[in-house]
């Protein structure tokens, strides 16, 4: 499938410029909204405002911009389904081959403020909907849901002259569903933070351990242990190493905050036993 049209609407613009210019050079029609539209126009690249499709401006303080059949029809329309094609032609819905959309920084906002109004406004509605729609229709649409995938897309556009395979589109779709799933988990955790029994977790980039509980077993860590401790030297950690780290942390905590301020506390642990 060759990309002939693209919808681009992102919060983070860094890394986007080379993709926009490459799409323009390949004759791709670009649709966009708001700040992304202004960004593309400043690059000297022609862009079609989404408002020209929906006949509605961005309304309700930006809460509603892309939620319209002319947008979602272009994303979800099945190119091999005669009825879909007929309806898209009837209602003048443009085909959208590429969707580049990221999400409002909800987790970053929660981490930086306790103001509920600011946090609520960073719950993205249109973004996840477009991402899910494009991922669902991966047979006909390429979806990019995070800026970390820009480099891969740029390489594909350049090396394959805008062509993509079904395997590549499905791979991007899998990543997109992961992005949206993680986003929804973060929102659910925020609204249920007062429930001590509530557990729902999502972790990007699981890290394979050197080995599991025994050398012939595998182990995987979900999370970012660099937020808990710094590994100063040594080999890649194993499952047992992390169990020992947990034992050390629990032991150090027994000394209390006052002791931490007055003295340094350290522990030497081997197989969860204190040995120094």
C-alpha atoms as a PDB file:
ATOM      1  CA  UNK A   1       0.000   0.000   0.000  1.00  0.00           C
ATOM      2  CA  UNK A   2       1.329   3.418  -0.933  1.00  0.00           C
ATOM      3  CA  UNK A   3       0.647   6.349   1.369  1.00  0.00           C
ATOM      4  CA  UNK A   4      -1.165   9.118  -0.498  1.00  0.00           C
ATOM      5  CA  UNK A   5      -2.796  10.983   2.394  1.00  0.00           C
ATOM      6  CA  UNK A   6      -1.966  11.604   6.037  1.00  0.00           C
ATOM      7  CA  UNK A   7      -3.664  13.018   9.125  1.00  0.00           C
ATOM      8  CA  UNK A   8      -1.189  14.544  11.569  1.00  0.00           C
ATOM      9  CA  UNK A   9      -2.256  15.907  14.952  1.00  0.00           C
ATOM     10  CA  UNK A  10       0.312  15.746  17.752  1.00  0.00           C
ATOM     11  CA  UNK A  11       1.093  17.375  21.092  1.00  0.00           C
ATOM     12  CA  UNK A  12       4.869  16.926  20.755  1.00  0.00           C
ATOM     13  CA  UNK A  13       6.304  18.398  17.540  1.00  0.00           C
ATOM     14  CA  UNK A  14       9.982  17.467  18.045  1.00  0.00           C
ATOM     15  CA  UNK A  15      11.162  14.989  15.445  1.00  0.00           C
ATOM     16  CA  UNK A  16       8.180  15.631  13.190  1.00  0.00           C
ATOM     17  CA  UNK A  17       9.802  18.011  10.677  1.00  0.00           C
ATOM     18  CA  UNK A  18      11.715  15.465   8.561  1.00  0.00           C
ATOM     19  CA  UNK A  19       8.623  13.269   8.250  1.00  0.00           C
ATOM     20  CA  UNK A  20       6.434  16.177   7.156  1.00  0.00           C
ATOM     21  CA  UNK A  21       8.958  17.278   4.546  1.00  0.00           C
ATOM     22  CA  UNK A  22       9.395  13.733   3.277  1.00  0.00           C
ATOM     23  CA  UNK A  23       5.635  13.255   2.960  1.00  0.00           C
ATOM     24  CA  UNK A  24       5.392  16.543   1.089  1.00  0.00           C
ATOM     25  CA  UNK A  25       8.200  15.536  -1.279  1.00  0.00           C
ATOM     26  CA  UNK A  26       6.340  12.296  -2.004  1.00  0.00           C
ATOM     27  CA  UNK A  27       3.173  14.176  -2.929  1.00  0.00           C
ATOM     28  CA  UNK A  28       1.167  13.105   0.115  1.00  0.00           C
ATOM     29  CA  UNK A  29      -1.897  15.194   0.985  1.00  0.00           C
ATOM     30  CA  UNK A  30      -1.560  16.268   4.619  1.00  0.00           C
ATOM     31  CA  UNK A  31      -4.529  17.058   6.873  1.00  0.00           C
ATOM     32  CA  UNK A  32      -4.006  18.629  10.277  1.00  0.00           C
ATOM     33  CA  UNK A  33      -5.442  20.640  13.173  1.00  0.00           C
ATOM     34  CA  UNK A  34      -4.567  23.552  15.456  1.00  0.00           C
ATOM     35  CA  UNK A  35      -0.983  23.795  16.602  1.00  0.00           C
ATOM     36  CA  UNK A  36       0.203  20.977  14.364  1.00  0.00           C
ATOM     37  CA  UNK A  37      -1.309  22.698  11.348  1.00  0.00           C
ATOM     38  CA  UNK A  38       0.527  25.919  12.231  1.00  0.00           C
ATOM     39  CA  UNK A  39       3.767  23.985  12.723  1.00  0.00           C
ATOM     40  CA  UNK A  40       3.468  22.388   9.270  1.00  0.00           C
ATOM     41  CA  UNK A  41       2.579  25.678   7.598  1.00  0.00           C
ATOM     42  CA  UNK A  42       5.672  27.318   9.109  1.00  0.00           C
ATOM     43  CA  UNK A  43       7.749  24.644   7.388  1.00  0.00           C
ATOM     44  CA  UNK A  44       6.384  25.901   4.088  1.00  0.00           C
ATOM     45  CA  UNK A  45       4.448  22.685   3.510  1.00  0.00           C
ATOM     46  CA  UNK A  46       0.904  22.726   2.176  1.00  0.00           C
ATOM     47  CA  UNK A  47      -1.646  21.410   4.652  1.00  0.00           C
ATOM     48  CA  UNK A  48      -5.425  20.952   4.534  1.00  0.00           C
ATOM     49  CA  UNK A  49      -7.234  22.063   7.733  1.00  0.00           C
ATOM     50  CA  UNK A  50      -9.426  19.330   9.214  1.00  0.00           C
ATOM     51  CA  UNK A  51     -12.105  21.995   9.644  1.00  0.00           C
ATOM     52  CA  UNK A  52     -12.518  22.008   5.871  1.00  0.00           C
ATOM     53  CA  UNK A  53     -13.654  18.375   6.119  1.00  0.00           C
ATOM     54  CA  UNK A  54     -15.855  18.662   9.188  1.00  0.00           C
ATOM     55  CA  UNK A  55     -17.168  22.189   8.388  1.00  0.00           C
ATOM     56  CA  UNK A  56     -16.824  22.796  12.136  1.00  0.00           C
ATOM     57  CA  UNK A  57     -14.096  24.761  13.901  1.00  0.00           C
ATOM     58  CA  UNK A  58     -12.395  23.466  17.016  1.00  0.00           C
ATOM     59  CA  UNK A  59     -15.035  23.959  19.712  1.00  0.00           C
ATOM     60  CA  UNK A  60     -15.530  23.678  23.485  1.00  0.00           C
ATOM     61  CA  UNK A  61     -12.073  24.965  24.239  1.00  0.00           C
ATOM     62  CA  UNK A  62     -10.445  22.407  21.969  1.00  0.00           C
ATOM     63  CA  UNK A  63     -12.277  19.437  23.445  1.00  0.00           C
ATOM     64  CA  UNK A  64     -13.912  18.670  20.089  1.00  0.00           C
ATOM     65  CA  UNK A  65     -11.806  18.922  16.932  1.00  0.00           C
ATOM     66  CA  UNK A  66     -11.675  15.648  15.060  1.00  0.00           C
ATOM     67  CA  UNK A  67     -14.692  13.738  16.377  1.00  0.00           C
ATOM     68  CA  UNK A  68     -16.577  13.692  13.077  1.00  0.00           C
ATOM     69  CA  UNK A  69     -17.616  11.080  10.455  1.00  0.00           C
ATOM     70  CA  UNK A  70     -15.535  12.842   7.801  1.00  0.00           C
ATOM     71  CA  UNK A  71     -12.426  12.087   9.860  1.00  0.00           C
ATOM     72  CA  UNK A  72     -13.276   8.697  11.300  1.00  0.00           C
ATOM     73  CA  UNK A  73     -14.828   7.512   8.062  1.00  0.00           C
ATOM     74  CA  UNK A  74     -11.534   8.227   6.325  1.00  0.00           C
ATOM     75  CA  UNK A  75      -9.703   6.240   8.987  1.00  0.00           C
ATOM     76  CA  UNK A  76     -12.074   3.281   9.350  1.00  0.00           C
ATOM     77  CA  UNK A  77     -13.271   2.910   5.761  1.00  0.00           C
ATOM     78  CA  UNK A  78     -12.375  -0.515   4.340  1.00  0.00           C
ATOM     79  CA  UNK A  79     -10.840  -0.097   0.901  1.00  0.00           C
ATOM     80  CA  UNK A  80     -11.822  -3.619  -0.193  1.00  0.00           C
ATOM     81  CA  UNK A  81     -15.452  -3.242   0.904  1.00  0.00           C
ATOM     82  CA  UNK A  82     -17.628  -1.893  -1.963  1.00  0.00           C
ATOM     83  CA  UNK A  83     -20.283  -0.564   0.425  1.00  0.00           C
ATOM     84  CA  UNK A  84     -17.702   1.354   2.457  1.00  0.00           C
ATOM     85  CA  UNK A  85     -16.154   2.795  -0.694  1.00  0.00           C
ATOM     86  CA  UNK A  86     -19.570   3.798  -2.028  1.00  0.00           C
ATOM     87  CA  UNK A  87     -20.536   5.548   1.209  1.00  0.00           C
ATOM     88  CA  UNK A  88     -17.204   7.365   1.412  1.00  0.00           C
ATOM     89  CA  UNK A  89     -17.752   8.653  -2.116  1.00  0.00           C
ATOM     90  CA  UNK A  90     -21.380   9.556  -1.348  1.00  0.00           C
ATOM     91  CA  UNK A  91     -20.479  11.612   1.715  1.00  0.00           C
ATOM     92  CA  UNK A  92     -17.231  12.966   0.245  1.00  0.00           C
ATOM     93  CA  UNK A  93     -15.072  11.359   2.926  1.00  0.00           C
ATOM     94  CA  UNK A  94     -11.362  11.424   2.008  1.00  0.00           C
ATOM     95  CA  UNK A  95      -9.280   8.291   2.365  1.00  0.00           C
ATOM     96  CA  UNK A  96      -6.649   8.545   5.126  1.00  0.00           C
ATOM     97  CA  UNK A  97      -3.666   6.231   4.652  1.00  0.00           C
ATOM     98  CA  UNK A  98      -1.451   7.440   7.495  1.00  0.00           C
ATOM     99  CA  UNK A  99      -2.452   8.659  10.964  1.00  0.00           C
ATOM    100  CA  UNK A 100       0.190  10.293  13.159  1.00  0.00           C
ATOM    101  CA  UNK A 101      -1.376  11.143  16.504  1.00  0.00           C
ATOM    102  CA  UNK A 102       0.052  11.238  20.020  1.00  0.00           C
ATOM    103  CA  UNK A 103      -1.738  11.791  23.318  1.00  0.00           C
ATOM    104  CA  UNK A 104      -2.034  14.646  25.782  1.00  0.00           C
ATOM    105  CA  UNK A 105       0.625  14.270  28.523  1.00  0.00           C
ATOM    106  CA  UNK A 106      -1.676  12.948  31.246  1.00  0.00           C
ATOM    107  CA  UNK A 107       0.957  11.173  33.355  1.00  0.00           C
ATOM    108  CA  UNK A 108       3.351  14.116  33.125  1.00  0.00           C
ATOM    109  CA  UNK A 109       0.581  16.461  34.275  1.00  0.00           C
ATOM    110  CA  UNK A 110      -0.331  14.240  37.242  1.00  0.00           C
ATOM    111  CA  UNK A 111       3.347  14.178  38.226  1.00  0.00           C
ATOM    112  CA  UNK A 112       3.712  17.966  38.032  1.00  0.00           C
ATOM    113  CA  UNK A 113       0.502  19.264  39.644  1.00  0.00           C
ATOM    114  CA  UNK A 114      -2.329  18.315  41.974  1.00  0.00           C
ATOM    115  CA  UNK A 115      -4.769  20.713  40.313  1.00  0.00           C
ATOM    116  CA  UNK A 116      -7.674  18.514  39.260  1.00  0.00           C
ATOM    117  CA  UNK A 117      -8.902  20.863  36.519  1.00  0.00           C
ATOM    118  CA  UNK A 118      -5.524  20.820  34.762  1.00  0.00           C
ATOM    119  CA  UNK A 119      -5.304  17.034  35.072  1.00  0.00           C
ATOM    120  CA  UNK A 120      -8.822  16.445  33.713  1.00  0.00           C
ATOM    121  CA  UNK A 121      -8.124  18.591  30.646  1.00  0.00           C
ATOM    122  CA  UNK A 122      -5.177  16.336  29.819  1.00  0.00           C
ATOM    123  CA  UNK A 123      -7.470  13.331  29.398  1.00  0.00           C
ATOM    124  CA  UNK A 124      -7.365  12.913  25.640  1.00  0.00           C
ATOM    125  CA  UNK A 125     -10.555  11.843  23.859  1.00  0.00           C
ATOM    126  CA  UNK A 126     -10.056  12.324  20.140  1.00  0.00           C
ATOM    127  CA  UNK A 127      -6.464  11.089  20.156  1.00  0.00           C
ATOM    128  CA  UNK A 128      -7.108   7.585  21.550  1.00  0.00           C
ATOM    129  CA  UNK A 129     -10.170   7.265  19.324  1.00  0.00           C
ATOM    130  CA  UNK A 130      -8.213   8.046  16.156  1.00  0.00           C
ATOM    131  CA  UNK A 131      -5.343   5.803  17.213  1.00  0.00           C
ATOM    132  CA  UNK A 132      -7.658   2.884  17.961  1.00  0.00           C
ATOM    133  CA  UNK A 133      -9.557   3.419  14.718  1.00  0.00           C
ATOM    134  CA  UNK A 134      -6.388   3.486  12.618  1.00  0.00           C
ATOM    135  CA  UNK A 135      -4.943   0.468  14.443  1.00  0.00           C
ATOM    136  CA  UNK A 136      -8.166  -1.474  13.963  1.00  0.00           C
ATOM    137  CA  UNK A 137      -8.005  -0.749  10.234  1.00  0.00           C
ATOM    138  CA  UNK A 138      -4.310  -1.685   9.914  1.00  0.00           C
ATOM    139  CA  UNK A 139      -5.002  -3.488   6.645  1.00  0.00           C
ATOM    140  CA  UNK A 140      -5.446  -0.092   5.024  1.00  0.00           C
ATOM    141  CA  UNK A 141      -3.903   2.432   7.433  1.00  0.00           C
ATOM    142  CA  UNK A 142      -0.489   3.101   8.979  1.00  0.00           C
ATOM    143  CA  UNK A 143      -0.737   4.411  12.543  1.00  0.00           C
ATOM    144  CA  UNK A 144       2.031   6.136  14.507  1.00  0.00           C
ATOM    145  CA  UNK A 145       1.054   6.758  18.135  1.00  0.00           C
ATOM    146  CA  UNK A 146       4.354   7.873  19.703  1.00  0.00           C
ATOM    147  CA  UNK A 147       7.316   9.996  18.655  1.00  0.00           C
ATOM    148  CA  UNK A 148       9.706   7.120  19.413  1.00  0.00           C
ATOM    149  CA  UNK A 149       8.393   5.497  16.209  1.00  0.00           C
ATOM    150  CA  UNK A 150       9.099   8.527  14.002  1.00  0.00           C
ATOM    151  CA  UNK A 151      12.550   7.272  13.022  1.00  0.00           C
ATOM    152  CA  UNK A 152      11.200   3.913  11.888  1.00  0.00           C
ATOM    153  CA  UNK A 153       8.472   5.590   9.846  1.00  0.00           C
ATOM    154  CA  UNK A 154      10.959   7.987   8.266  1.00  0.00           C
ATOM    155  CA  UNK A 155      13.154   5.070   7.227  1.00  0.00           C
ATOM    156  CA  UNK A 156      10.221   3.213   5.692  1.00  0.00           C
ATOM    157  CA  UNK A 157       9.031   6.281   3.802  1.00  0.00           C
ATOM    158  CA  UNK A 158      12.488   6.904   2.392  1.00  0.00           C
ATOM    159  CA  UNK A 159      13.585   3.335   1.667  1.00  0.00           C
ATOM    160  CA  UNK A 160      10.248   2.097   0.353  1.00  0.00           C
ATOM    161  CA  UNK A 161       9.101   5.330  -1.314  1.00  0.00           C
ATOM    162  CA  UNK A 162       5.947   5.573   0.781  1.00  0.00           C
ATOM    163  CA  UNK A 163       5.015   1.904   0.412  1.00  0.00           C
ATOM    164  CA  UNK A 164       4.262  -0.261   3.463  1.00  0.00           C
ATOM    165  CA  UNK A 165       3.591  -3.958   3.902  1.00  0.00           C
ATOM    166  CA  UNK A 166       0.735  -5.509   5.849  1.00  0.00           C
ATOM    167  CA  UNK A 167       3.269  -6.861   8.363  1.00  0.00           C
ATOM    168  CA  UNK A 168       4.681  -3.383   8.966  1.00  0.00           C
ATOM    169  CA  UNK A 169       1.230  -1.865   9.388  1.00  0.00           C
ATOM    170  CA  UNK A 170       0.196  -4.587  11.826  1.00  0.00           C
ATOM    171  CA  UNK A 171       3.382  -4.041  13.825  1.00  0.00           C
ATOM    172  CA  UNK A 172       2.621  -0.318  14.155  1.00  0.00           C
ATOM    173  CA  UNK A 173      -0.971  -1.185  15.133  1.00  0.00           C
ATOM    174  CA  UNK A 174       0.270  -3.426  17.947  1.00  0.00           C
ATOM    175  CA  UNK A 175       2.419  -0.586  19.295  1.00  0.00           C
ATOM    176  CA  UNK A 176      -0.527   1.815  19.016  1.00  0.00           C
ATOM    177  CA  UNK A 177      -2.860  -0.396  21.044  1.00  0.00           C
ATOM    178  CA  UNK A 178      -0.121  -0.666  23.685  1.00  0.00           C
ATOM    179  CA  UNK A 179       0.147   3.146  23.875  1.00  0.00           C
ATOM    180  CA  UNK A 180      -3.610   3.588  24.291  1.00  0.00           C
ATOM    181  CA  UNK A 181      -3.854   0.727  26.793  1.00  0.00           C
ATOM    182  CA  UNK A 182      -1.101   2.228  28.961  1.00  0.00           C
ATOM    183  CA  UNK A 183      -2.790   5.638  28.765  1.00  0.00           C
ATOM    184  CA  UNK A 184      -6.142   4.252  29.929  1.00  0.00           C
ATOM    185  CA  UNK A 185      -4.480   2.424  32.822  1.00  0.00           C
ATOM    186  CA  UNK A 186      -2.834   5.666  33.977  1.00  0.00           C
ATOM    187  CA  UNK A 187      -6.194   7.456  33.953  1.00  0.00           C
ATOM    188  CA  UNK A 188      -7.951   4.608  35.775  1.00  0.00           C
ATOM    189  CA  UNK A 189      -5.236   4.579  38.463  1.00  0.00           C
ATOM    190  CA  UNK A 190      -5.649   8.333  38.987  1.00  0.00           C
ATOM    191  CA  UNK A 191      -9.394   7.998  39.572  1.00  0.00           C
ATOM    192  CA  UNK A 192      -9.001   4.981  41.860  1.00  0.00           C
ATOM    193  CA  UNK A 193      -5.946   6.078  43.846  1.00  0.00           C
ATOM    194  CA  UNK A 194      -7.835   6.125  47.168  1.00  0.00           C
ATOM    195  CA  UNK A 195      -8.800   2.463  46.934  1.00  0.00           C
ATOM    196  CA  UNK A 196      -6.208   0.407  48.797  1.00  0.00           C
ATOM    197  CA  UNK A 197      -7.357  -2.807  47.111  1.00  0.00           C
ATOM    198  CA  UNK A 198      -7.326  -1.425  43.570  1.00  0.00           C
ATOM    199  CA  UNK A 199      -4.632  -2.883  41.328  1.00  0.00           C
ATOM    200  CA  UNK A 200      -4.196  -2.164  37.639  1.00  0.00           C
ATOM    201  CA  UNK A 201      -0.790  -1.759  36.057  1.00  0.00           C
ATOM    202  CA  UNK A 202       0.832  -1.162  32.692  1.00  0.00           C
ATOM    203  CA  UNK A 203       4.567  -1.078  32.073  1.00  0.00           C
ATOM    204  CA  UNK A 204       6.448  -0.187  28.904  1.00  0.00           C
ATOM    205  CA  UNK A 205       9.641  -2.002  27.962  1.00  0.00           C
ATOM    206  CA  UNK A 206       9.827  -5.071  30.234  1.00  0.00           C
ATOM    207  CA  UNK A 207      13.477  -5.818  31.023  1.00  0.00           C
ATOM    208  CA  UNK A 208      14.832  -9.345  30.678  1.00  0.00           C
ATOM    209  CA  UNK A 209      16.900 -10.396  33.675  1.00  0.00           C
ATOM    210  CA  UNK A 210      20.226 -12.254  33.387  1.00  0.00           C
ATOM    211  CA  UNK A 211      18.322 -15.323  34.613  1.00  0.00           C
ATOM    212  CA  UNK A 212      15.379 -16.205  36.830  1.00  0.00           C
ATOM    213  CA  UNK A 213      15.300 -17.798  40.283  1.00  0.00           C
ATOM    214  CA  UNK A 214      17.562 -20.523  38.890  1.00  0.00           C
ATOM    215  CA  UNK A 215      20.149 -20.224  36.095  1.00  0.00           C
ATOM    216  CA  UNK A 216      18.087 -22.328  33.652  1.00  0.00           C
ATOM    217  CA  UNK A 217      15.013 -20.110  34.115  1.00  0.00           C
ATOM    218  CA  UNK A 218      14.164 -16.745  32.603  1.00  0.00           C
ATOM    219  CA  UNK A 219      13.155 -13.657  34.536  1.00  0.00           C
ATOM    220  CA  UNK A 220      11.511 -10.397  33.478  1.00  0.00           C
ATOM    221  CA  UNK A 221      11.193  -7.129  35.416  1.00  0.00           C
ATOM    222  CA  UNK A 222       8.262  -4.840  34.694  1.00  0.00           C
ATOM    223  CA  UNK A 223       8.900  -1.245  35.657  1.00  0.00           C
ATOM    224  CA  UNK A 224      11.877   1.093  35.902  1.00  0.00           C
ATOM    225  CA  UNK A 225      14.213   0.096  38.713  1.00  0.00           C
ATOM    226  CA  UNK A 226      16.393   3.160  38.042  1.00  0.00           C
ATOM    227  CA  UNK A 227      13.673   5.089  39.920  1.00  0.00           C
ATOM    228  CA  UNK A 228      14.282   2.894  42.974  1.00  0.00           C
ATOM    229  CA  UNK A 229      18.063   2.493  43.070  1.00  0.00           C
ATOM    230  CA  UNK A 230      21.257   3.067  41.076  1.00  0.00           C
ATOM    231  CA  UNK A 231      23.360   0.125  39.970  1.00  0.00           C
ATOM    232  CA  UNK A 232      26.945   1.344  40.383  1.00  0.00           C
ATOM    233  CA  UNK A 233      28.735  -1.573  38.728  1.00  0.00           C
ATOM    234  CA  UNK A 234      28.551  -5.296  38.066  1.00  0.00           C
ATOM    235  CA  UNK A 235      26.743  -7.603  35.657  1.00  0.00           C
ATOM    236  CA  UNK A 236      23.179  -7.362  34.404  1.00  0.00           C
ATOM    237  CA  UNK A 237      20.845  -8.098  37.315  1.00  0.00           C
ATOM    238  CA  UNK A 238      19.161 -11.428  37.862  1.00  0.00           C
ATOM    239  CA  UNK A 239      15.859 -12.211  39.571  1.00  0.00           C
ATOM    240  CA  UNK A 240      17.689 -13.112  42.788  1.00  0.00           C
ATOM    241  CA  UNK A 241      19.588  -9.813  42.714  1.00  0.00           C
ATOM    242  CA  UNK A 242      16.296  -7.923  42.722  1.00  0.00           C
ATOM    243  CA  UNK A 243      14.980 -10.045  45.588  1.00  0.00           C
ATOM    244  CA  UNK A 244      18.105  -9.108  47.555  1.00  0.00           C
ATOM    245  CA  UNK A 245      17.655  -5.426  46.694  1.00  0.00           C
ATOM    246  CA  UNK A 246      14.096  -5.604  48.042  1.00  0.00           C
ATOM    247  CA  UNK A 247      15.372  -7.170  51.265  1.00  0.00           C
ATOM    248  CA  UNK A 248      18.006  -4.449  51.602  1.00  0.00           C
ATOM    249  CA  UNK A 249      15.470  -1.670  51.080  1.00  0.00           C
ATOM    250  CA  UNK A 250      13.107  -3.169  53.667  1.00  0.00           C
ATOM    251  CA  UNK A 251      15.974  -3.472  56.169  1.00  0.00           C
ATOM    252  CA  UNK A 252      17.166   0.096  55.648  1.00  0.00           C
ATOM    253  CA  UNK A 253      13.637   1.406  56.132  1.00  0.00           C
ATOM    254  CA  UNK A 254      13.568  -0.121  59.611  1.00  0.00           C
ATOM    255  CA  UNK A 255      16.096   2.505  60.698  1.00  0.00           C
ATOM    256  CA  UNK A 256      13.566   5.276  60.060  1.00  0.00           C
ATOM    257  CA  UNK A 257      13.833   8.734  58.508  1.00  0.00           C
ATOM    258  CA  UNK A 258      15.655  10.276  61.504  1.00  0.00           C
ATOM    259  CA  UNK A 259      18.441   7.705  61.274  1.00  0.00           C
ATOM    260  CA  UNK A 260      18.775   8.316  57.548  1.00  0.00           C
ATOM    261  CA  UNK A 261      19.302  12.029  58.137  1.00  0.00           C
ATOM    262  CA  UNK A 262      21.899  11.506  60.849  1.00  0.00           C
ATOM    263  CA  UNK A 263      23.861   8.622  59.331  1.00  0.00           C
ATOM    264  CA  UNK A 264      24.269   6.666  56.145  1.00  0.00           C
ATOM    265  CA  UNK A 265      22.739   3.213  56.222  1.00  0.00           C
ATOM    266  CA  UNK A 266      23.882   0.356  54.051  1.00  0.00           C
ATOM    267  CA  UNK A 267      23.242  -3.354  53.875  1.00  0.00           C
ATOM    268  CA  UNK A 268      25.021  -6.357  52.406  1.00  0.00           C
ATOM    269  CA  UNK A 269      22.568  -9.071  51.433  1.00  0.00           C
ATOM    270  CA  UNK A 270      23.062 -12.561  50.006  1.00  0.00           C
ATOM    271  CA  UNK A 271      20.005 -14.658  49.183  1.00  0.00           C
ATOM    272  CA  UNK A 272      17.904 -12.310  51.361  1.00  0.00           C
ATOM    273  CA  UNK A 273      20.150 -12.910  54.391  1.00  0.00           C
ATOM    274  CA  UNK A 274      22.002 -10.042  56.021  1.00  0.00           C
ATOM    275  CA  UNK A 275      25.731 -10.787  55.884  1.00  0.00           C
ATOM    276  CA  UNK A 276      27.332  -7.403  56.494  1.00  0.00           C
END
